[in-house]
Amino acid sequence: MQTINEIKQEKVPLPKHVITWIFPIVALGYYDASIAMLCLMFIAPFIALFVFLIGKIVKRFSYDKQYRILLSCLSIVLTGGVLYWASYTFSANKMFESIIISPIPKTVKIIDKSGQHSVMGMSSFSLMFDIAPKDFDIVLNTKDFTKKNISNIEGRKPELYKRALEESSEFFDASELYVKDDRGSSYRCTVLVTNKEHDKVYYRIF
C-alpha cells in the first residue's frame, strides 16, 4: 500500500506557465466577454491538448524548463497582441463607424464612450459627441428614428427612453428625443438625444 509521501511524489505539479495564459483571456474578456467565452469553449481545449502533447515530447529530451519559458513568453506576446487589436477594434472612433456611420463626419468630436459593442452581438453602449448642426441630419438619417414627445414619453420601452434622457443630462440640456426600436427584440432599442442647437448628441443603445 502506498504511503502519503509516495502519493505526493507521483502528483504532477501545475505548470507555472499555465498562470500566464490567463492574461490574454482576461485581456480579451475586458473588451468583449462573449468572444473570450467562445475562445474558452472552442479554441482553448485544442490549444491545451497541443501544448500537452508537445510537452510530453520535449520532456523526453529534457527540455521541459525551456519549454515552459517559451510558453510563458508566447502568452505575454499574445496578451500584447490582444490588447493592441482590442484597443483599436473597440476604440470610440471604431465604434462610431461600426454603429452609426462611416466615415465619421469631420465635425464630430467624441466626448465620452461607455459600455461596449460586442462583435458577437450588440450590448449596452453609449456615445456622447459634439457635431456641427449641418451634419446632425446625417446622423439622424442613419436609422428610421421616431421623434418622441420629451414631456410625455410613450412607446414600447418608455423606461429605457427616459433612462437615456437622464443619462444625457450629465452632458447637456436635452431638447429632442428620437427612438428606433429593434423589431426583432422586445427589449433592444436605439435612443438619440440632442439639444436645441443640434450640436450635441447622446447616442444610446440598449
N, C-alpha and C. Protein backbone atom coordinates (compact mmCIF):
# COMPACT_ATOMS: atom_id res chain seq x y z
N MET A 1 0.85 -1.21 0.00
CA MET A 1 0.00 0.00 0.00
C MET A 1 0.88 1.25 0.00
N GLN A 2 0.55 2.23 -0.84
CA GLN A 2 1.37 3.42 -0.99
C GLN A 2 1.28 4.31 0.25
N THR A 3 2.43 4.88 0.59
CA THR A 3 2.45 5.84 1.69
C THR A 3 2.04 7.21 1.17
N ILE A 4 1.79 8.15 2.10
CA ILE A 4 1.39 9.50 1.72
C ILE A 4 2.50 10.20 0.93
N ASN A 5 3.74 9.98 1.33
CA ASN A 5 4.87 10.61 0.63
C ASN A 5 4.99 10.11 -0.80
N GLU A 6 4.74 8.81 -1.01
CA GLU A 6 4.82 8.25 -2.36
C GLU A 6 3.73 8.83 -3.25
N ILE A 7 2.52 9.01 -2.67
CA ILE A 7 1.42 9.59 -3.45
C ILE A 7 1.75 11.02 -3.84
N LYS A 8 2.32 11.78 -2.89
CA LYS A 8 2.68 13.17 -3.18
C LYS A 8 3.72 13.25 -4.29
N GLN A 9 4.67 12.32 -4.30
CA GLN A 9 5.71 12.33 -5.31
C GLN A 9 5.16 12.02 -6.70
N GLU A 10 4.08 11.23 -6.73
CA GLU A 10 3.50 10.88 -8.02
C GLU A 10 2.67 12.01 -8.61
N LYS A 11 2.23 12.94 -7.78
CA LYS A 11 1.42 14.05 -8.27
C LYS A 11 2.25 14.98 -9.15
N VAL A 12 1.70 15.33 -10.28
CA VAL A 12 2.38 16.23 -11.20
C VAL A 12 2.01 17.67 -10.84
N PRO A 13 2.97 18.52 -10.50
CA PRO A 13 2.65 19.90 -10.12
C PRO A 13 2.09 20.69 -11.30
N LEU A 14 1.25 21.66 -11.00
CA LEU A 14 0.68 22.51 -12.04
C LEU A 14 1.78 23.34 -12.69
N PRO A 15 1.95 23.24 -14.01
CA PRO A 15 3.00 24.01 -14.69
C PRO A 15 2.84 25.50 -14.41
N LYS A 16 3.95 26.16 -14.13
CA LYS A 16 3.91 27.58 -13.80
C LYS A 16 3.42 28.43 -14.96
N HIS A 17 3.69 27.98 -16.19
CA HIS A 17 3.32 28.78 -17.35
C HIS A 17 1.81 28.84 -17.55
N VAL A 18 1.05 27.94 -16.92
CA VAL A 18 -0.40 27.93 -17.08
C VAL A 18 -1.00 29.25 -16.59
N ILE A 19 -0.46 29.79 -15.53
CA ILE A 19 -0.98 31.04 -14.96
C ILE A 19 -0.87 32.19 -15.95
N THR A 20 0.24 32.23 -16.69
CA THR A 20 0.45 33.34 -17.63
C THR A 20 -0.55 33.32 -18.78
N TRP A 21 -1.13 32.14 -19.08
CA TRP A 21 -2.09 32.06 -20.17
C TRP A 21 -3.47 32.58 -19.77
N ILE A 22 -3.61 32.96 -18.52
CA ILE A 22 -4.83 33.62 -18.09
C ILE A 22 -4.85 35.06 -18.59
N PHE A 23 -3.67 35.65 -18.76
CA PHE A 23 -3.57 37.05 -19.13
C PHE A 23 -4.26 37.40 -20.45
N PRO A 24 -3.99 36.68 -21.56
CA PRO A 24 -4.67 37.03 -22.81
C PRO A 24 -6.18 36.83 -22.75
N ILE A 25 -6.63 35.85 -21.97
CA ILE A 25 -8.07 35.61 -21.82
C ILE A 25 -8.73 36.76 -21.07
N VAL A 26 -8.08 37.19 -19.99
CA VAL A 26 -8.60 38.32 -19.21
C VAL A 26 -8.60 39.59 -20.06
N ALA A 27 -7.53 39.80 -20.84
CA ALA A 27 -7.44 40.98 -21.69
C ALA A 27 -8.56 41.00 -22.72
N LEU A 28 -8.84 39.84 -23.32
CA LEU A 28 -9.91 39.75 -24.31
C LEU A 28 -11.27 39.92 -23.65
N GLY A 29 -11.45 39.33 -22.48
CA GLY A 29 -12.72 39.44 -21.77
C GLY A 29 -13.03 40.85 -21.32
N TYR A 30 -12.00 41.64 -21.07
CA TYR A 30 -12.21 43.04 -20.66
C TYR A 30 -12.91 43.82 -21.76
N TYR A 31 -12.57 43.53 -23.01
CA TYR A 31 -13.16 44.24 -24.15
C TYR A 31 -14.41 43.57 -24.67
N ASP A 32 -14.41 42.24 -24.71
CA ASP A 32 -15.57 41.52 -25.24
C ASP A 32 -15.67 40.16 -24.57
N ALA A 33 -16.55 40.06 -23.58
CA ALA A 33 -16.68 38.82 -22.81
C ALA A 33 -17.20 37.67 -23.66
N SER A 34 -18.04 37.97 -24.67
CA SER A 34 -18.61 36.90 -25.50
C SER A 34 -17.53 36.21 -26.32
N ILE A 35 -16.59 36.97 -26.87
CA ILE A 35 -15.50 36.37 -27.64
C ILE A 35 -14.60 35.55 -26.73
N ALA A 36 -14.31 36.08 -25.55
CA ALA A 36 -13.47 35.36 -24.59
C ALA A 36 -14.11 34.02 -24.22
N MET A 37 -15.41 34.03 -24.02
CA MET A 37 -16.11 32.80 -23.65
C MET A 37 -16.08 31.79 -24.79
N LEU A 38 -16.27 32.25 -26.02
CA LEU A 38 -16.22 31.35 -27.17
C LEU A 38 -14.82 30.75 -27.35
N CYS A 39 -13.80 31.56 -27.10
CA CYS A 39 -12.42 31.06 -27.20
C CYS A 39 -12.17 29.99 -26.14
N LEU A 40 -12.68 30.21 -24.94
CA LEU A 40 -12.51 29.22 -23.87
C LEU A 40 -13.21 27.91 -24.21
N MET A 41 -14.36 28.01 -24.88
CA MET A 41 -15.16 26.83 -25.17
C MET A 41 -14.65 26.04 -26.36
N PHE A 42 -14.22 26.74 -27.43
CA PHE A 42 -13.93 26.04 -28.69
C PHE A 42 -12.46 26.06 -29.13
N ILE A 43 -11.68 27.00 -28.63
CA ILE A 43 -10.28 27.10 -29.07
C ILE A 43 -9.32 26.63 -27.99
N ALA A 44 -9.57 27.05 -26.75
CA ALA A 44 -8.65 26.72 -25.65
C ALA A 44 -8.43 25.22 -25.48
N PRO A 45 -9.47 24.35 -25.58
CA PRO A 45 -9.22 22.91 -25.41
C PRO A 45 -8.23 22.33 -26.42
N PHE A 46 -8.30 22.79 -27.67
CA PHE A 46 -7.38 22.30 -28.70
C PHE A 46 -5.95 22.79 -28.45
N ILE A 47 -5.84 24.04 -28.00
CA ILE A 47 -4.52 24.58 -27.68
C ILE A 47 -3.92 23.83 -26.50
N ALA A 48 -4.76 23.57 -25.48
CA ALA A 48 -4.28 22.85 -24.29
C ALA A 48 -3.81 21.44 -24.65
N LEU A 49 -4.55 20.77 -25.54
CA LEU A 49 -4.17 19.42 -25.97
C LEU A 49 -2.85 19.46 -26.74
N PHE A 50 -2.71 20.45 -27.61
CA PHE A 50 -1.47 20.58 -28.41
C PHE A 50 -0.28 20.84 -27.49
N VAL A 51 -0.45 21.76 -26.54
CA VAL A 51 0.62 22.09 -25.59
C VAL A 51 0.99 20.87 -24.75
N PHE A 52 -0.01 20.12 -24.34
CA PHE A 52 0.24 18.92 -23.53
C PHE A 52 1.05 17.89 -24.31
N LEU A 53 0.67 17.63 -25.56
CA LEU A 53 1.37 16.63 -26.37
C LEU A 53 2.81 17.05 -26.67
N ILE A 54 3.00 18.32 -27.01
CA ILE A 54 4.36 18.81 -27.26
C ILE A 54 5.18 18.74 -25.98
N GLY A 55 4.53 19.02 -24.84
CA GLY A 55 5.22 18.94 -23.56
C GLY A 55 5.74 17.55 -23.27
N LYS A 56 4.96 16.54 -23.63
CA LYS A 56 5.39 15.16 -23.44
C LYS A 56 6.64 14.85 -24.26
N ILE A 57 6.68 15.42 -25.47
CA ILE A 57 7.81 15.16 -26.36
C ILE A 57 9.08 15.83 -25.83
N VAL A 58 8.97 17.12 -25.49
CA VAL A 58 10.17 17.86 -25.06
C VAL A 58 10.68 17.33 -23.72
N LYS A 59 9.78 16.77 -22.91
CA LYS A 59 10.21 16.23 -21.62
C LYS A 59 11.14 15.04 -21.80
N ARG A 60 10.90 14.29 -22.87
CA ARG A 60 11.76 13.13 -23.16
C ARG A 60 13.18 13.56 -23.48
N PHE A 61 13.32 14.79 -24.02
CA PHE A 61 14.64 15.29 -24.40
C PHE A 61 15.18 16.29 -23.36
N SER A 62 14.55 16.29 -22.20
CA SER A 62 15.00 17.13 -21.08
C SER A 62 14.98 18.63 -21.40
N TYR A 63 13.99 19.05 -22.18
CA TYR A 63 13.84 20.48 -22.50
C TYR A 63 12.58 21.05 -21.83
N ASP A 64 12.18 20.42 -20.74
CA ASP A 64 10.93 20.82 -20.08
C ASP A 64 10.99 22.26 -19.58
N LYS A 65 12.07 22.66 -18.97
CA LYS A 65 12.21 24.01 -18.42
C LYS A 65 12.18 25.05 -19.53
N GLN A 66 12.93 24.79 -20.60
CA GLN A 66 12.97 25.73 -21.73
C GLN A 66 11.59 25.85 -22.38
N TYR A 67 10.87 24.74 -22.40
CA TYR A 67 9.53 24.73 -23.00
C TYR A 67 8.57 25.60 -22.19
N ARG A 68 8.67 25.54 -20.87
CA ARG A 68 7.82 26.37 -20.02
C ARG A 68 8.12 27.86 -20.21
N ILE A 69 9.39 28.16 -20.32
CA ILE A 69 9.78 29.56 -20.54
C ILE A 69 9.25 30.06 -21.88
N LEU A 70 9.33 29.21 -22.90
CA LEU A 70 8.83 29.57 -24.22
C LEU A 70 7.33 29.83 -24.19
N LEU A 71 6.59 28.98 -23.51
CA LEU A 71 5.14 29.15 -23.42
C LEU A 71 4.78 30.43 -22.67
N SER A 72 5.52 30.74 -21.62
CA SER A 72 5.26 31.97 -20.87
C SER A 72 5.51 33.19 -21.73
N CYS A 73 6.59 33.16 -22.50
CA CYS A 73 6.91 34.27 -23.41
C CYS A 73 5.83 34.42 -24.48
N LEU A 74 5.36 33.29 -25.01
CA LEU A 74 4.32 33.34 -26.04
C LEU A 74 3.03 33.92 -25.48
N SER A 75 2.70 33.59 -24.23
CA SER A 75 1.47 34.11 -23.63
C SER A 75 1.56 35.62 -23.43
N ILE A 76 2.74 36.12 -23.08
CA ILE A 76 2.93 37.56 -22.90
C ILE A 76 2.81 38.28 -24.24
N VAL A 77 3.42 37.69 -25.28
CA VAL A 77 3.32 38.28 -26.62
C VAL A 77 1.87 38.27 -27.10
N LEU A 78 1.17 37.17 -26.86
CA LEU A 78 -0.23 37.07 -27.25
C LEU A 78 -1.09 38.10 -26.51
N THR A 79 -0.80 38.31 -25.23
CA THR A 79 -1.53 39.31 -24.45
C THR A 79 -1.34 40.70 -25.04
N GLY A 80 -0.10 41.02 -25.41
CA GLY A 80 0.18 42.30 -26.05
C GLY A 80 -0.57 42.45 -27.36
N GLY A 81 -0.60 41.35 -28.14
CA GLY A 81 -1.32 41.38 -29.41
C GLY A 81 -2.81 41.59 -29.22
N VAL A 82 -3.38 40.93 -28.22
CA VAL A 82 -4.80 41.08 -27.93
C VAL A 82 -5.12 42.51 -27.52
N LEU A 83 -4.30 43.09 -26.65
CA LEU A 83 -4.52 44.46 -26.19
C LEU A 83 -4.41 45.46 -27.34
N TYR A 84 -3.45 45.24 -28.23
CA TYR A 84 -3.28 46.14 -29.38
C TYR A 84 -4.48 46.05 -30.31
N TRP A 85 -4.91 44.82 -30.62
CA TRP A 85 -6.06 44.62 -31.51
C TRP A 85 -7.34 45.18 -30.90
N ALA A 86 -7.56 44.89 -29.61
CA ALA A 86 -8.79 45.31 -28.95
C ALA A 86 -8.86 46.82 -28.77
N SER A 87 -7.72 47.46 -28.47
CA SER A 87 -7.73 48.91 -28.28
C SER A 87 -8.10 49.64 -29.55
N TYR A 88 -7.80 49.03 -30.70
CA TYR A 88 -8.19 49.64 -31.98
C TYR A 88 -9.62 49.26 -32.35
N THR A 89 -9.95 47.98 -32.23
CA THR A 89 -11.28 47.49 -32.62
C THR A 89 -12.39 48.09 -31.77
N PHE A 90 -12.13 48.29 -30.49
CA PHE A 90 -13.15 48.79 -29.58
C PHE A 90 -12.94 50.25 -29.19
N SER A 91 -12.19 50.97 -30.00
CA SER A 91 -11.99 52.40 -29.74
C SER A 91 -13.27 53.16 -30.03
N ALA A 92 -13.37 54.37 -29.50
CA ALA A 92 -14.58 55.19 -29.69
C ALA A 92 -14.83 55.48 -31.17
N ASN A 93 -13.77 55.80 -31.91
CA ASN A 93 -13.93 56.10 -33.34
C ASN A 93 -14.40 54.88 -34.11
N LYS A 94 -13.83 53.72 -33.79
CA LYS A 94 -14.22 52.50 -34.48
C LYS A 94 -15.66 52.13 -34.16
N MET A 95 -16.07 52.35 -32.91
CA MET A 95 -17.45 52.10 -32.52
C MET A 95 -18.41 53.02 -33.27
N PHE A 96 -18.01 54.29 -33.42
CA PHE A 96 -18.84 55.25 -34.15
C PHE A 96 -19.03 54.78 -35.59
N GLU A 97 -17.95 54.35 -36.21
CA GLU A 97 -18.02 53.91 -37.61
C GLU A 97 -18.86 52.65 -37.78
N SER A 98 -18.74 51.72 -36.85
CA SER A 98 -19.46 50.46 -37.00
C SER A 98 -20.92 50.57 -36.60
N ILE A 99 -21.25 51.49 -35.69
CA ILE A 99 -22.61 51.60 -35.19
C ILE A 99 -23.41 52.70 -35.88
N ILE A 100 -22.78 53.85 -36.13
CA ILE A 100 -23.54 55.00 -36.63
C ILE A 100 -23.30 55.20 -38.12
N ILE A 101 -22.13 55.68 -38.49
CA ILE A 101 -21.85 55.94 -39.91
C ILE A 101 -20.35 55.99 -40.15
N SER A 102 -19.95 55.55 -41.33
CA SER A 102 -18.55 55.60 -41.73
C SER A 102 -18.45 56.17 -43.15
N PRO A 103 -17.55 57.13 -43.37
CA PRO A 103 -16.58 57.68 -42.42
C PRO A 103 -17.25 58.65 -41.45
N ILE A 104 -16.57 58.94 -40.36
CA ILE A 104 -17.08 59.86 -39.36
C ILE A 104 -17.08 61.28 -39.94
N PRO A 105 -18.20 61.99 -39.83
CA PRO A 105 -18.21 63.39 -40.28
C PRO A 105 -17.08 64.17 -39.62
N LYS A 106 -16.44 65.05 -40.36
CA LYS A 106 -15.26 65.76 -39.87
C LYS A 106 -15.56 66.64 -38.67
N THR A 107 -16.81 67.06 -38.52
CA THR A 107 -17.14 67.96 -37.41
C THR A 107 -17.42 67.22 -36.10
N VAL A 108 -17.42 65.88 -36.14
CA VAL A 108 -17.72 65.10 -34.94
C VAL A 108 -16.51 65.07 -34.00
N LYS A 109 -16.78 65.33 -32.73
CA LYS A 109 -15.76 65.23 -31.69
C LYS A 109 -16.35 64.39 -30.56
N ILE A 110 -15.83 63.17 -30.41
CA ILE A 110 -16.35 62.25 -29.40
C ILE A 110 -15.88 62.68 -28.01
N ILE A 111 -16.84 62.87 -27.13
CA ILE A 111 -16.56 63.34 -25.77
C ILE A 111 -16.47 62.19 -24.77
N ASP A 112 -17.35 61.21 -24.94
CA ASP A 112 -17.41 60.13 -23.95
C ASP A 112 -17.90 58.85 -24.60
N LYS A 113 -17.37 57.73 -24.14
CA LYS A 113 -17.78 56.40 -24.59
C LYS A 113 -17.98 55.54 -23.36
N SER A 114 -19.08 54.79 -23.36
CA SER A 114 -19.36 53.93 -22.22
C SER A 114 -19.91 52.59 -22.71
N GLY A 115 -19.57 51.53 -21.98
CA GLY A 115 -20.06 50.22 -22.38
C GLY A 115 -19.27 49.66 -23.54
N GLN A 116 -19.83 48.67 -24.20
CA GLN A 116 -19.15 48.04 -25.32
C GLN A 116 -20.13 47.55 -26.36
N HIS A 117 -19.62 47.43 -27.56
CA HIS A 117 -20.40 46.86 -28.65
C HIS A 117 -19.75 45.55 -29.04
N SER A 118 -20.36 44.45 -28.66
CA SER A 118 -19.78 43.14 -28.85
C SER A 118 -19.73 42.75 -30.31
N VAL A 119 -18.64 42.07 -30.69
CA VAL A 119 -18.51 41.54 -32.05
C VAL A 119 -19.57 40.47 -32.31
N MET A 120 -19.94 39.71 -31.27
CA MET A 120 -20.88 38.61 -31.42
C MET A 120 -22.34 39.06 -31.25
N GLY A 121 -22.55 40.31 -30.92
CA GLY A 121 -23.91 40.78 -30.70
C GLY A 121 -23.89 42.11 -29.97
N MET A 122 -24.90 42.89 -30.17
CA MET A 122 -24.93 44.23 -29.60
C MET A 122 -25.16 44.18 -28.09
N SER A 123 -24.41 44.97 -27.39
CA SER A 123 -24.59 45.06 -25.95
C SER A 123 -24.77 46.52 -25.56
N SER A 124 -24.98 46.78 -24.28
CA SER A 124 -25.25 48.13 -23.82
C SER A 124 -24.08 49.06 -24.15
N PHE A 125 -24.39 50.18 -24.77
CA PHE A 125 -23.33 51.03 -25.29
C PHE A 125 -23.84 52.46 -25.46
N SER A 126 -22.94 53.43 -25.25
CA SER A 126 -23.34 54.83 -25.46
C SER A 126 -22.17 55.65 -25.98
N LEU A 127 -22.50 56.67 -26.75
CA LEU A 127 -21.52 57.63 -27.27
C LEU A 127 -22.06 59.04 -27.06
N MET A 128 -21.22 59.91 -26.54
CA MET A 128 -21.56 61.31 -26.43
C MET A 128 -20.59 62.07 -27.33
N PHE A 129 -21.14 62.89 -28.23
CA PHE A 129 -20.25 63.61 -29.14
C PHE A 129 -20.82 64.97 -29.53
N ASP A 130 -19.91 65.87 -29.86
CA ASP A 130 -20.27 67.17 -30.42
C ASP A 130 -20.29 67.03 -31.94
N ILE A 131 -21.15 67.80 -32.58
CA ILE A 131 -21.26 67.74 -34.03
C ILE A 131 -21.78 69.08 -34.54
N ALA A 132 -21.37 69.44 -35.72
CA ALA A 132 -21.87 70.68 -36.32
C ALA A 132 -23.35 70.49 -36.67
N PRO A 133 -24.19 71.49 -36.43
CA PRO A 133 -25.63 71.37 -36.75
C PRO A 133 -25.89 70.93 -38.19
N LYS A 134 -25.03 71.34 -39.12
CA LYS A 134 -25.24 70.98 -40.52
C LYS A 134 -25.04 69.48 -40.77
N ASP A 135 -24.33 68.81 -39.86
CA ASP A 135 -24.10 67.37 -40.01
C ASP A 135 -25.01 66.53 -39.13
N PHE A 136 -25.84 67.18 -38.35
CA PHE A 136 -26.72 66.43 -37.45
C PHE A 136 -27.67 65.51 -38.21
N ASP A 137 -28.23 66.01 -39.31
CA ASP A 137 -29.17 65.20 -40.09
C ASP A 137 -28.52 63.95 -40.67
N ILE A 138 -27.21 64.00 -40.89
CA ILE A 138 -26.50 62.82 -41.40
C ILE A 138 -26.61 61.69 -40.40
N VAL A 139 -26.40 62.02 -39.12
CA VAL A 139 -26.50 61.02 -38.06
C VAL A 139 -27.96 60.59 -37.85
N LEU A 140 -28.86 61.54 -37.87
CA LEU A 140 -30.27 61.24 -37.64
C LEU A 140 -30.84 60.33 -38.73
N ASN A 141 -30.37 60.48 -39.93
CA ASN A 141 -30.90 59.71 -41.07
C ASN A 141 -30.27 58.33 -41.22
N THR A 142 -29.35 57.98 -40.32
CA THR A 142 -28.74 56.64 -40.41
C THR A 142 -29.71 55.55 -40.01
N LYS A 143 -30.74 55.91 -39.24
CA LYS A 143 -31.77 54.95 -38.84
C LYS A 143 -33.15 55.60 -39.00
N ASP A 144 -34.15 54.75 -39.02
CA ASP A 144 -35.53 55.23 -39.15
C ASP A 144 -36.04 55.64 -37.76
N PHE A 145 -35.50 56.75 -37.27
CA PHE A 145 -35.86 57.22 -35.93
C PHE A 145 -37.26 57.82 -35.90
N THR A 146 -37.89 57.66 -34.74
CA THR A 146 -39.20 58.28 -34.50
C THR A 146 -39.04 59.31 -33.39
N LYS A 147 -39.49 60.51 -33.64
CA LYS A 147 -39.36 61.57 -32.64
C LYS A 147 -40.42 61.38 -31.55
N LYS A 148 -39.99 61.52 -30.28
CA LYS A 148 -40.89 61.36 -29.15
C LYS A 148 -41.15 62.71 -28.48
N ASN A 149 -42.31 62.80 -27.86
CA ASN A 149 -42.64 63.99 -27.07
C ASN A 149 -41.84 63.94 -25.77
N ILE A 150 -40.89 64.82 -25.61
CA ILE A 150 -39.98 64.75 -24.48
C ILE A 150 -40.67 65.01 -23.14
N SER A 151 -41.81 65.68 -23.18
CA SER A 151 -42.54 65.98 -21.95
C SER A 151 -43.54 64.89 -21.58
N ASN A 152 -43.82 63.99 -22.53
CA ASN A 152 -44.75 62.89 -22.28
C ASN A 152 -44.30 61.68 -23.10
N ILE A 153 -43.26 61.02 -22.60
CA ILE A 153 -42.61 59.95 -23.35
C ILE A 153 -43.45 58.68 -23.33
N GLU A 154 -43.79 58.20 -24.50
CA GLU A 154 -44.55 56.96 -24.65
C GLU A 154 -43.85 56.06 -25.66
N GLY A 155 -44.28 54.80 -25.72
CA GLY A 155 -43.69 53.87 -26.66
C GLY A 155 -43.58 52.49 -26.07
N ARG A 156 -42.85 51.63 -26.75
CA ARG A 156 -42.74 50.24 -26.31
C ARG A 156 -41.89 50.10 -25.04
N LYS A 157 -40.83 50.92 -24.93
CA LYS A 157 -39.95 50.86 -23.77
C LYS A 157 -39.69 52.26 -23.22
N PRO A 158 -40.71 52.94 -22.72
CA PRO A 158 -40.54 54.31 -22.24
C PRO A 158 -39.53 54.43 -21.11
N GLU A 159 -39.39 53.37 -20.29
CA GLU A 159 -38.44 53.44 -19.18
C GLU A 159 -37.00 53.53 -19.68
N LEU A 160 -36.73 52.89 -20.83
CA LEU A 160 -35.39 52.97 -21.41
C LEU A 160 -35.17 54.33 -22.06
N TYR A 161 -36.20 54.85 -22.72
CA TYR A 161 -36.08 56.17 -23.33
C TYR A 161 -35.79 57.22 -22.26
N LYS A 162 -36.50 57.12 -21.13
CA LYS A 162 -36.29 58.06 -20.03
C LYS A 162 -34.91 57.90 -19.41
N ARG A 163 -34.46 56.67 -19.37
CA ARG A 163 -33.12 56.41 -18.81
C ARG A 163 -32.05 57.08 -19.66
N ALA A 164 -32.16 56.96 -20.97
CA ALA A 164 -31.20 57.63 -21.86
C ALA A 164 -31.27 59.14 -21.70
N LEU A 165 -32.47 59.65 -21.53
CA LEU A 165 -32.66 61.09 -21.35
C LEU A 165 -31.99 61.56 -20.06
N GLU A 166 -32.12 60.78 -19.00
CA GLU A 166 -31.49 61.12 -17.73
C GLU A 166 -29.97 61.07 -17.84
N GLU A 167 -29.46 60.07 -18.54
CA GLU A 167 -28.01 59.94 -18.71
C GLU A 167 -27.43 61.11 -19.49
N SER A 168 -28.19 61.59 -20.48
CA SER A 168 -27.69 62.70 -21.31
C SER A 168 -27.61 64.01 -20.54
N SER A 169 -28.38 64.11 -19.44
CA SER A 169 -28.38 65.35 -18.66
C SER A 169 -27.03 65.64 -18.03
N GLU A 170 -26.16 64.64 -17.98
CA GLU A 170 -24.82 64.83 -17.45
C GLU A 170 -23.98 65.70 -18.40
N PHE A 171 -24.38 65.73 -19.67
CA PHE A 171 -23.58 66.42 -20.68
C PHE A 171 -24.22 67.71 -21.21
N PHE A 172 -25.55 67.74 -21.30
CA PHE A 172 -26.21 68.92 -21.86
C PHE A 172 -27.70 68.90 -21.50
N ASP A 173 -28.37 70.01 -21.80
CA ASP A 173 -29.82 70.11 -21.58
C ASP A 173 -30.54 69.56 -22.80
N ALA A 174 -31.22 68.44 -22.62
CA ALA A 174 -31.88 67.78 -23.73
C ALA A 174 -33.10 68.56 -24.20
N SER A 175 -33.31 68.55 -25.53
CA SER A 175 -34.46 69.24 -26.11
C SER A 175 -35.29 68.31 -27.00
N GLU A 176 -34.63 67.33 -27.63
CA GLU A 176 -35.32 66.42 -28.53
C GLU A 176 -34.90 64.98 -28.27
N LEU A 177 -35.84 64.07 -28.50
CA LEU A 177 -35.61 62.65 -28.25
C LEU A 177 -36.10 61.84 -29.45
N TYR A 178 -35.22 60.98 -29.96
CA TYR A 178 -35.55 60.13 -31.10
C TYR A 178 -35.30 58.67 -30.73
N VAL A 179 -36.17 57.78 -31.23
CA VAL A 179 -36.08 56.36 -30.85
C VAL A 179 -36.22 55.46 -32.07
N LYS A 180 -35.43 54.39 -32.08
CA LYS A 180 -35.56 53.35 -33.10
C LYS A 180 -35.61 52.02 -32.37
N ASP A 181 -36.79 51.39 -32.36
CA ASP A 181 -36.96 50.09 -31.70
C ASP A 181 -36.51 48.96 -32.62
N ASP A 182 -35.88 47.97 -32.03
CA ASP A 182 -35.46 46.79 -32.76
C ASP A 182 -36.66 45.86 -32.92
N ARG A 183 -37.09 45.64 -34.15
CA ARG A 183 -38.27 44.81 -34.40
C ARG A 183 -38.05 43.35 -34.02
N GLY A 184 -36.80 42.92 -34.02
CA GLY A 184 -36.51 41.53 -33.70
C GLY A 184 -36.37 41.26 -32.22
N SER A 185 -36.55 42.30 -31.40
CA SER A 185 -36.40 42.13 -29.96
C SER A 185 -37.41 43.01 -29.23
N SER A 186 -37.91 42.50 -28.11
CA SER A 186 -38.85 43.28 -27.31
C SER A 186 -38.13 44.23 -26.38
N TYR A 187 -36.81 44.15 -26.36
CA TYR A 187 -36.03 44.96 -25.43
C TYR A 187 -35.09 45.92 -26.15
N ARG A 188 -34.43 45.48 -27.21
CA ARG A 188 -33.42 46.29 -27.88
C ARG A 188 -34.00 47.55 -28.51
N CYS A 189 -33.26 48.64 -28.35
CA CYS A 189 -33.65 49.89 -28.98
C CYS A 189 -32.46 50.84 -29.02
N THR A 190 -32.55 51.82 -29.91
CA THR A 190 -31.53 52.86 -30.02
C THR A 190 -32.19 54.20 -29.72
N VAL A 191 -31.56 54.98 -28.86
CA VAL A 191 -32.12 56.27 -28.47
C VAL A 191 -31.13 57.38 -28.79
N LEU A 192 -31.61 58.41 -29.44
CA LEU A 192 -30.77 59.57 -29.77
C LEU A 192 -31.34 60.79 -29.07
N VAL A 193 -30.52 61.43 -28.27
CA VAL A 193 -30.92 62.64 -27.55
C VAL A 193 -30.06 63.80 -28.02
N THR A 194 -30.67 64.93 -28.25
CA THR A 194 -29.91 66.11 -28.70
C THR A 194 -30.45 67.37 -28.04
N ASN A 195 -29.70 68.44 -28.18
CA ASN A 195 -30.13 69.72 -27.61
C ASN A 195 -30.84 70.56 -28.67
N LYS A 196 -31.23 71.76 -28.31
CA LYS A 196 -31.98 72.63 -29.20
C LYS A 196 -31.17 73.02 -30.42
N GLU A 197 -29.86 73.21 -30.23
CA GLU A 197 -29.00 73.65 -31.33
C GLU A 197 -28.55 72.51 -32.24
N HIS A 198 -28.80 71.28 -31.86
CA HIS A 198 -28.40 70.09 -32.61
C HIS A 198 -26.87 69.99 -32.78
N ASP A 199 -26.14 70.49 -31.80
CA ASP A 199 -24.68 70.40 -31.89
C ASP A 199 -24.10 69.44 -30.85
N LYS A 200 -24.99 68.79 -30.08
CA LYS A 200 -24.58 67.78 -29.12
C LYS A 200 -25.52 66.58 -29.23
N VAL A 201 -24.94 65.39 -29.20
CA VAL A 201 -25.74 64.17 -29.36
C VAL A 201 -25.31 63.12 -28.33
N TYR A 202 -26.32 62.55 -27.69
CA TYR A 202 -26.08 61.39 -26.82
C TYR A 202 -26.75 60.20 -27.50
N TYR A 203 -25.94 59.25 -27.94
CA TYR A 203 -26.39 58.11 -28.73
C TYR A 203 -26.33 56.86 -27.85
N ARG A 204 -27.48 56.32 -27.53
CA ARG A 204 -27.56 55.22 -26.57
C ARG A 204 -28.18 53.98 -27.19
N ILE A 205 -27.53 52.84 -26.98
CA ILE A 205 -28.03 51.56 -27.46
C ILE A 205 -28.30 50.65 -26.26
N PHE A 206 -29.51 50.12 -26.21
CA PHE A 206 -29.89 49.18 -25.15
C PHE A 206 -30.04 47.77 -25.75
